PDB file of all heavy atoms in Angstrom:
ATOM      1  N   LEU A   1       9.100  -1.350   6.379  1.00  0.00           N
ATOM      2  CA  LEU A   1       8.588  -0.025   6.040  1.00  0.00           C
ATOM      3  C   LEU A   1       7.784  -0.069   4.749  1.00  0.00           C
ATOM      4  O   LEU A   1       6.734   0.576   4.627  1.00  0.00           O
ATOM      5  CB  LEU A   1       9.757   0.960   5.911  1.00  0.00           C
ATOM      6  CG  LEU A   1       9.386   2.413   5.607  1.00  0.00           C
ATOM      7  CD1 LEU A   1       8.525   2.977   6.725  1.00  0.00           C
ATOM      8  CD2 LEU A   1      10.636   3.263   5.430  1.00  0.00           C
ATOM      9  N   TYR A   2       8.302  -0.833   3.802  1.00  0.00           N
ATOM     10  CA  TYR A   2       7.565  -0.988   2.542  1.00  0.00           C
ATOM     11  C   TYR A   2       6.188  -1.587   2.817  1.00  0.00           C
ATOM     12  O   TYR A   2       5.178  -1.138   2.259  1.00  0.00           O
ATOM     13  CB  TYR A   2       8.351  -1.878   1.579  1.00  0.00           C
ATOM     14  CG  TYR A   2       7.675  -2.045   0.224  1.00  0.00           C
ATOM     15  CD1 TYR A   2       7.919  -1.136  -0.792  1.00  0.00           C
ATOM     16  CD2 TYR A   2       6.804  -3.104  -0.004  1.00  0.00           C
ATOM     17  CE1 TYR A   2       7.296  -1.277  -2.029  1.00  0.00           C
ATOM     18  CE2 TYR A   2       6.176  -3.256  -1.226  1.00  0.00           C
ATOM     19  CZ  TYR A   2       6.426  -2.345  -2.244  1.00  0.00           C
ATOM     20  OH  TYR A   2       5.810  -2.479  -3.449  1.00  0.00           O
ATOM     21  N   GLN A   3       6.186  -2.603   3.706  1.00  0.00           N
ATOM     22  CA  GLN A   3       4.910  -3.233   4.050  1.00  0.00           C
ATOM     23  C   GLN A   3       3.965  -2.225   4.711  1.00  0.00           C
ATOM     24  O   GLN A   3       2.771  -2.184   4.409  1.00  0.00           O
ATOM     25  CB  GLN A   3       5.144  -4.420   4.999  1.00  0.00           C
ATOM     26  CG  GLN A   3       5.860  -5.600   4.365  1.00  0.00           C
ATOM     27  CD  GLN A   3       5.026  -6.268   3.275  1.00  0.00           C
ATOM     28  OE1 GLN A   3       3.833  -6.469   3.434  1.00  0.00           O
ATOM     29  NE2 GLN A   3       5.673  -6.605   2.173  1.00  0.00           N
ATOM     30  N   LYS A   4       4.537  -1.418   5.629  1.00  0.00           N
ATOM     31  CA  LYS A   4       3.699  -0.434   6.321  1.00  0.00           C
ATOM     32  C   LYS A   4       3.209   0.658   5.380  1.00  0.00           C
ATOM     33  O   LYS A   4       2.070   1.111   5.485  1.00  0.00           O
ATOM     34  CB  LYS A   4       4.480   0.189   7.481  1.00  0.00           C
ATOM     35  CG  LYS A   4       4.698  -0.755   8.652  1.00  0.00           C
ATOM     36  CD  LYS A   4       5.449  -0.057   9.779  1.00  0.00           C
ATOM     37  CE  LYS A   4       5.667  -0.996  10.952  1.00  0.00           C
ATOM     38  NZ  LYS A   4       6.408  -0.345  12.061  1.00  0.00           N
ATOM     39  N   VAL A   5       4.104   1.086   4.493  1.00  0.00           N
ATOM     40  CA  VAL A   5       3.758   2.202   3.603  1.00  0.00           C
ATOM     41  C   VAL A   5       2.836   1.756   2.480  1.00  0.00           C
ATOM     42  O   VAL A   5       1.909   2.474   2.089  1.00  0.00           O
ATOM     43  CB  VAL A   5       5.037   2.845   3.029  1.00  0.00           C
ATOM     44  CG1 VAL A   5       4.689   3.889   1.967  1.00  0.00           C
ATOM     45  CG2 VAL A   5       5.844   3.490   4.143  1.00  0.00           C
ATOM     46  N   TYR A   6       3.049   0.543   1.974  1.00  0.00           N
ATOM     47  CA  TYR A   6       2.351   0.136   0.760  1.00  0.00           C
ATOM     48  C   TYR A   6       1.360  -1.010   0.952  1.00  0.00           C
ATOM     49  O   TYR A   6       0.740  -1.442  -0.026  1.00  0.00           O
ATOM     50  CB  TYR A   6       3.365  -0.263  -0.318  1.00  0.00           C
ATOM     51  CG  TYR A   6       4.151   0.918  -0.842  1.00  0.00           C
ATOM     52  CD1 TYR A   6       5.504   1.065  -0.539  1.00  0.00           C
ATOM     53  CD2 TYR A   6       3.539   1.904  -1.614  1.00  0.00           C
ATOM     54  CE1 TYR A   6       6.224   2.151  -1.010  1.00  0.00           C
ATOM     55  CE2 TYR A   6       4.247   2.995  -2.086  1.00  0.00           C
ATOM     56  CZ  TYR A   6       5.592   3.110  -1.780  1.00  0.00           C
ATOM     57  OH  TYR A   6       6.301   4.187  -2.250  1.00  0.00           O
ATOM     58  N   THR A   7       1.226  -1.529   2.178  1.00  0.00           N
ATOM     59  CA  THR A   7       0.220  -2.575   2.397  1.00  0.00           C
ATOM     60  C   THR A   7      -0.636  -2.222   3.600  1.00  0.00           C
ATOM     61  O   THR A   7      -0.173  -1.557   4.541  1.00  0.00           O
ATOM     62  CB  THR A   7       0.879  -3.950   2.631  1.00  0.00           C
ATOM     63  OG1 THR A   7       1.692  -3.883   3.802  1.00  0.00           O
ATOM     64  CG2 THR A   7       1.724  -4.371   1.447  1.00  0.00           C
ATOM     65  N   HIS A   8      -1.878  -2.663   3.578  1.00  0.00           N
ATOM     66  CA  HIS A   8      -2.781  -2.420   4.698  1.00  0.00           C
ATOM     67  C   HIS A   8      -2.472  -3.413   5.804  1.00  0.00           C
ATOM     68  O   HIS A   8      -2.336  -4.613   5.564  1.00  0.00           O
ATOM     69  CB  HIS A   8      -4.235  -2.548   4.234  1.00  0.00           C
ATOM     70  CG  HIS A   8      -5.205  -1.913   5.173  1.00  0.00           C
ATOM     71  ND1 HIS A   8      -5.587  -2.511   6.351  1.00  0.00           N
ATOM     72  CD2 HIS A   8      -5.853  -0.715   5.110  1.00  0.00           C
ATOM     73  CE1 HIS A   8      -6.449  -1.718   6.971  1.00  0.00           C
ATOM     74  NE2 HIS A   8      -6.629  -0.624   6.245  1.00  0.00           N
ATOM     75  N   PHE A   9      -2.374  -2.917   7.034  1.00  0.00           N
ATOM     76  CA  PHE A   9      -1.915  -3.762   8.141  1.00  0.00           C
ATOM     77  C   PHE A   9      -2.904  -4.867   8.496  1.00  0.00           C
ATOM     78  O   PHE A   9      -2.526  -5.882   9.076  1.00  0.00           O
ATOM     79  CB  PHE A   9      -1.651  -2.884   9.383  1.00  0.00           C
ATOM     80  CG  PHE A   9      -2.897  -2.365  10.057  1.00  0.00           C
ATOM     81  CD1 PHE A   9      -3.402  -2.987  11.180  1.00  0.00           C
ATOM     82  CD2 PHE A   9      -3.553  -1.253   9.555  1.00  0.00           C
ATOM     83  CE1 PHE A   9      -4.537  -2.508  11.809  1.00  0.00           C
ATOM     84  CE2 PHE A   9      -4.686  -0.766  10.170  1.00  0.00           C
ATOM     85  CZ  PHE A   9      -5.188  -1.393  11.304  1.00  0.00           C
ATOM     86  N   LEU A  10      -4.179  -4.702   8.141  1.00  0.00           N
ATOM     87  CA  LEU A  10      -5.159  -5.733   8.478  1.00  0.00           C
ATOM     88  C   LEU A  10      -5.222  -6.841   7.434  1.00  0.00           C
ATOM     89  O   LEU A  10      -5.193  -8.026   7.757  1.00  0.00           O
ATOM     90  CB  LEU A  10      -6.551  -5.101   8.638  1.00  0.00           C
ATOM     91  CG  LEU A  10      -6.788  -4.284   9.906  1.00  0.00           C
ATOM     92  CD1 LEU A  10      -8.172  -3.649   9.872  1.00  0.00           C
ATOM     93  CD2 LEU A  10      -6.655  -5.171  11.139  1.00  0.00           C
ATOM     94  N   SER A  11      -5.294  -6.433   6.166  1.00  0.00           N
ATOM     95  CA  SER A  11      -5.539  -7.409   5.104  1.00  0.00           C
ATOM     96  C   SER A  11      -4.275  -7.877   4.397  1.00  0.00           C
ATOM     97  O   SER A  11      -4.265  -8.933   3.770  1.00  0.00           O
ATOM     98  CB  SER A  11      -6.490  -6.797   4.075  1.00  0.00           C
ATOM     99  OG  SER A  11      -5.889  -5.653   3.475  1.00  0.00           O
ATOM    100  N   GLY A  12      -3.210  -7.086   4.483  1.00  0.00           N
ATOM    101  CA  GLY A  12      -2.005  -7.404   3.735  1.00  0.00           C
ATOM    102  C   GLY A  12      -2.105  -7.034   2.265  1.00  0.00           C
ATOM    103  O   GLY A  12      -1.169  -7.254   1.491  1.00  0.00           O
ATOM    104  N   LEU A  13      -3.237  -6.451   1.852  1.00  0.00           N
ATOM    105  CA  LEU A  13      -3.413  -6.007   0.465  1.00  0.00           C
ATOM    106  C   LEU A  13      -2.694  -4.675   0.253  1.00  0.00           C
ATOM    107  O   LEU A  13      -2.459  -3.923   1.207  1.00  0.00           O
ATOM    108  CB  LEU A  13      -4.901  -5.849   0.158  1.00  0.00           C
ATOM    109  CG  LEU A  13      -5.741  -7.135   0.114  1.00  0.00           C
ATOM    110  CD1 LEU A  13      -7.223  -6.785  -0.002  1.00  0.00           C
ATOM    111  CD2 LEU A  13      -5.317  -8.024  -1.056  1.00  0.00           C
ATOM    112  N   PRO A  14      -2.358  -4.356  -1.010  1.00  0.00           N
ATOM    113  CA  PRO A  14      -1.804  -3.025  -1.295  1.00  0.00           C
ATOM    114  C   PRO A  14      -2.767  -1.943  -0.792  1.00  0.00           C
ATOM    115  O   PRO A  14      -3.989  -2.092  -0.899  1.00  0.00           O
ATOM    116  CB  PRO A  14      -1.674  -3.016  -2.825  1.00  0.00           C
ATOM    117  CG  PRO A  14      -1.602  -4.447  -3.211  1.00  0.00           C
ATOM    118  CD  PRO A  14      -2.449  -5.193  -2.227  1.00  0.00           C
ATOM    119  N   ASN A  15      -2.204  -0.849  -0.261  1.00  0.00           N
ATOM    120  CA  ASN A  15      -3.055   0.181   0.324  1.00  0.00           C
ATOM    121  C   ASN A  15      -3.196   1.396  -0.593  1.00  0.00           C
ATOM    122  O   ASN A  15      -2.819   1.355  -1.769  1.00  0.00           O
ATOM    123  CB  ASN A  15      -2.514   0.593   1.697  1.00  0.00           C
ATOM    124  CG  ASN A  15      -1.113   1.159   1.607  1.00  0.00           C
ATOM    125  OD1 ASN A  15      -0.615   1.455   0.518  1.00  0.00           O
ATOM    126  ND2 ASN A  15      -0.459   1.307   2.755  1.00  0.00           N
ATOM    127  N   ARG A  16      -3.723   2.448  -0.032  1.00  0.00           N
ATOM    128  CA  ARG A  16      -3.984   3.665  -0.819  1.00  0.00           C
ATOM    129  C   ARG A  16      -2.688   4.247  -1.382  1.00  0.00           C
ATOM    130  O   ARG A  16      -2.660   4.715  -2.523  1.00  0.00           O
ATOM    131  CB  ARG A  16      -4.695   4.699   0.056  1.00  0.00           C
ATOM    132  CG  ARG A  16      -5.145   5.945  -0.688  1.00  0.00           C
ATOM    133  CD  ARG A  16      -5.780   6.950   0.273  1.00  0.00           C
ATOM    134  NE  ARG A  16      -6.381   8.051  -0.458  1.00  0.00           N
ATOM    135  CZ  ARG A  16      -7.618   8.067  -0.908  1.00  0.00           C
ATOM    136  NH1 ARG A  16      -8.401   7.014  -0.711  1.00  0.00           N
ATOM    137  NH2 ARG A  16      -8.099   9.116  -1.568  1.00  0.00           N
ATOM    138  N   ASN A  17      -1.617   4.245  -0.574  1.00  0.00           N
ATOM    139  CA  ASN A  17      -0.336   4.771  -1.058  1.00  0.00           C
ATOM    140  C   ASN A  17       0.133   4.020  -2.301  1.00  0.00           C
ATOM    141  O   ASN A  17       0.624   4.627  -3.260  1.00  0.00           O
ATOM    142  CB  ASN A  17       0.723   4.661   0.040  1.00  0.00           C
ATOM    143  CG  ASN A  17       0.432   5.566   1.212  1.00  0.00           C
ATOM    144  OD1 ASN A  17      -0.192   6.609   1.057  1.00  0.00           O
ATOM    145  ND2 ASN A  17       0.866   5.174   2.395  1.00  0.00           N
ATOM    146  N   LYS A  18      -0.009   2.696  -2.256  1.00  0.00           N
ATOM    147  CA  LYS A  18       0.403   1.884  -3.398  1.00  0.00           C
ATOM    148  C   LYS A  18      -0.456   2.193  -4.621  1.00  0.00           C
ATOM    149  O   LYS A  18       0.055   2.286  -5.758  1.00  0.00           O
ATOM    150  CB  LYS A  18       0.298   0.402  -3.024  1.00  0.00           C
ATOM    151  CG  LYS A  18       0.724  -0.559  -4.135  1.00  0.00           C
ATOM    152  CD  LYS A  18       2.179  -0.368  -4.539  1.00  0.00           C
ATOM    153  CE  LYS A  18       2.602  -1.405  -5.559  1.00  0.00           C
ATOM    154  NZ  LYS A  18       3.947  -1.120  -6.122  1.00  0.00           N
ATOM    155  N   LEU A  19      -1.760   2.380  -4.397  1.00  0.00           N
ATOM    156  CA  LEU A  19      -2.657   2.708  -5.518  1.00  0.00           C
ATOM    157  C   LEU A  19      -2.267   4.040  -6.151  1.00  0.00           C
ATOM    158  O   LEU A  19      -2.189   4.161  -7.383  1.00  0.00           O
ATOM    159  CB  LEU A  19      -4.106   2.763  -5.025  1.00  0.00           C
ATOM    160  CG  LEU A  19      -5.152   3.181  -6.061  1.00  0.00           C
ATOM    161  CD1 LEU A  19      -5.184   2.210  -7.237  1.00  0.00           C
ATOM    162  CD2 LEU A  19      -6.539   3.280  -5.427  1.00  0.00           C
ATOM    163  N   LEU A  20      -2.010   5.045  -5.303  1.00  0.00           N
ATOM    164  CA  LEU A  20      -1.649   6.362  -5.834  1.00  0.00           C
ATOM    165  C   LEU A  20      -0.320   6.297  -6.584  1.00  0.00           C
ATOM    166  O   LEU A  20      -0.148   6.977  -7.606  1.00  0.00           O
ATOM    167  CB  LEU A  20      -1.564   7.378  -4.694  1.00  0.00           C
ATOM    168  CG  LEU A  20      -2.883   7.671  -3.965  1.00  0.00           C
ATOM    169  CD1 LEU A  20      -2.656   8.628  -2.799  1.00  0.00           C
ATOM    170  CD2 LEU A  20      -3.917   8.254  -4.927  1.00  0.00           C
ATOM    171  N   GLU A  21       0.614   5.493  -6.087  1.00  0.00           N
ATOM    172  CA  GLU A  21       1.885   5.345  -6.791  1.00  0.00           C
ATOM    173  C   GLU A  21       1.686   4.615  -8.116  1.00  0.00           C
ATOM    174  O   GLU A  21       2.291   4.971  -9.136  1.00  0.00           O
ATOM    175  CB  GLU A  21       2.881   4.590  -5.901  1.00  0.00           C
ATOM    176  CG  GLU A  21       4.274   4.513  -6.499  1.00  0.00           C
ATOM    177  CD  GLU A  21       5.282   3.908  -5.546  1.00  0.00           C
ATOM    178  OE1 GLU A  21       5.610   4.569  -4.542  1.00  0.00           O
ATOM    179  OE2 GLU A  21       5.726   2.769  -5.809  1.00  0.00           O
ATOM    180  N   ASP A  22       0.835   3.588  -8.103  1.00  0.00           N
ATOM    181  CA  ASP A  22       0.571   2.840  -9.340  1.00  0.00           C
ATOM    182  C   ASP A  22      -0.120   3.707 -10.387  1.00  0.00           C
ATOM    183  O   ASP A  22       0.041   3.483 -11.596  1.00  0.00           O
ATOM    184  CB  ASP A  22      -0.278   1.606  -9.036  1.00  0.00           C
ATOM    185  CG  ASP A  22       0.531   0.527  -8.323  1.00  0.00           C
ATOM    186  OD1 ASP A  22       1.774   0.656  -8.287  1.00  0.00           O
ATOM    187  OD2 ASP A  22      -0.080  -0.428  -7.802  1.00  0.00           O
ATOM    188  N   PHE A  23      -0.874   4.699  -9.916  1.00  0.00           N
ATOM    189  CA  PHE A  23      -1.483   5.639 -10.860  1.00  0.00           C
ATOM    190  C   PHE A  23      -0.418   6.375 -11.670  1.00  0.00           C
ATOM    191  O   PHE A  23      -0.650   6.756 -12.822  1.00  0.00           O
ATOM    192  CB  PHE A  23      -2.350   6.667 -10.107  1.00  0.00           C
ATOM    193  CG  PHE A  23      -3.806   6.297 -10.050  1.00  0.00           C
ATOM    194  CD1 PHE A  23      -4.439   6.099  -8.831  1.00  0.00           C
ATOM    195  CD2 PHE A  23      -4.550   6.148 -11.212  1.00  0.00           C
ATOM    196  CE1 PHE A  23      -5.775   5.758  -8.770  1.00  0.00           C
ATOM    197  CE2 PHE A  23      -5.894   5.812 -11.159  1.00  0.00           C
ATOM    198  CZ  PHE A  23      -6.504   5.611  -9.936  1.00  0.00           C
ATOM    199  N   GLN A  24       0.751   6.589 -11.050  1.00  0.00           N
ATOM    200  CA  GLN A  24       1.831   7.281 -11.746  1.00  0.00           C
ATOM    201  C   GLN A  24       2.583   6.356 -12.708  1.00  0.00           C
ATOM    202  O   GLN A  24       3.275   6.826 -13.606  1.00  0.00           O
ATOM    203  CB  GLN A  24       2.835   7.848 -10.718  1.00  0.00           C
ATOM    204  CG  GLN A  24       2.210   8.712  -9.641  1.00  0.00           C
ATOM    205  CD  GLN A  24       1.496   9.919 -10.203  1.00  0.00           C
ATOM    206  OE1 GLN A  24       1.966  10.544 -11.152  1.00  0.00           O
ATOM    207  NE2 GLN A  24       0.328  10.236  -9.637  1.00  0.00           N
TER     208      GLN A  24
END
């Protein structure tokens, strides 16, 4: 779930959710 929520399924890079969380 962490992978799905926080990583992009194609690239394996952190995704938008992770970026928005890191902003906090």
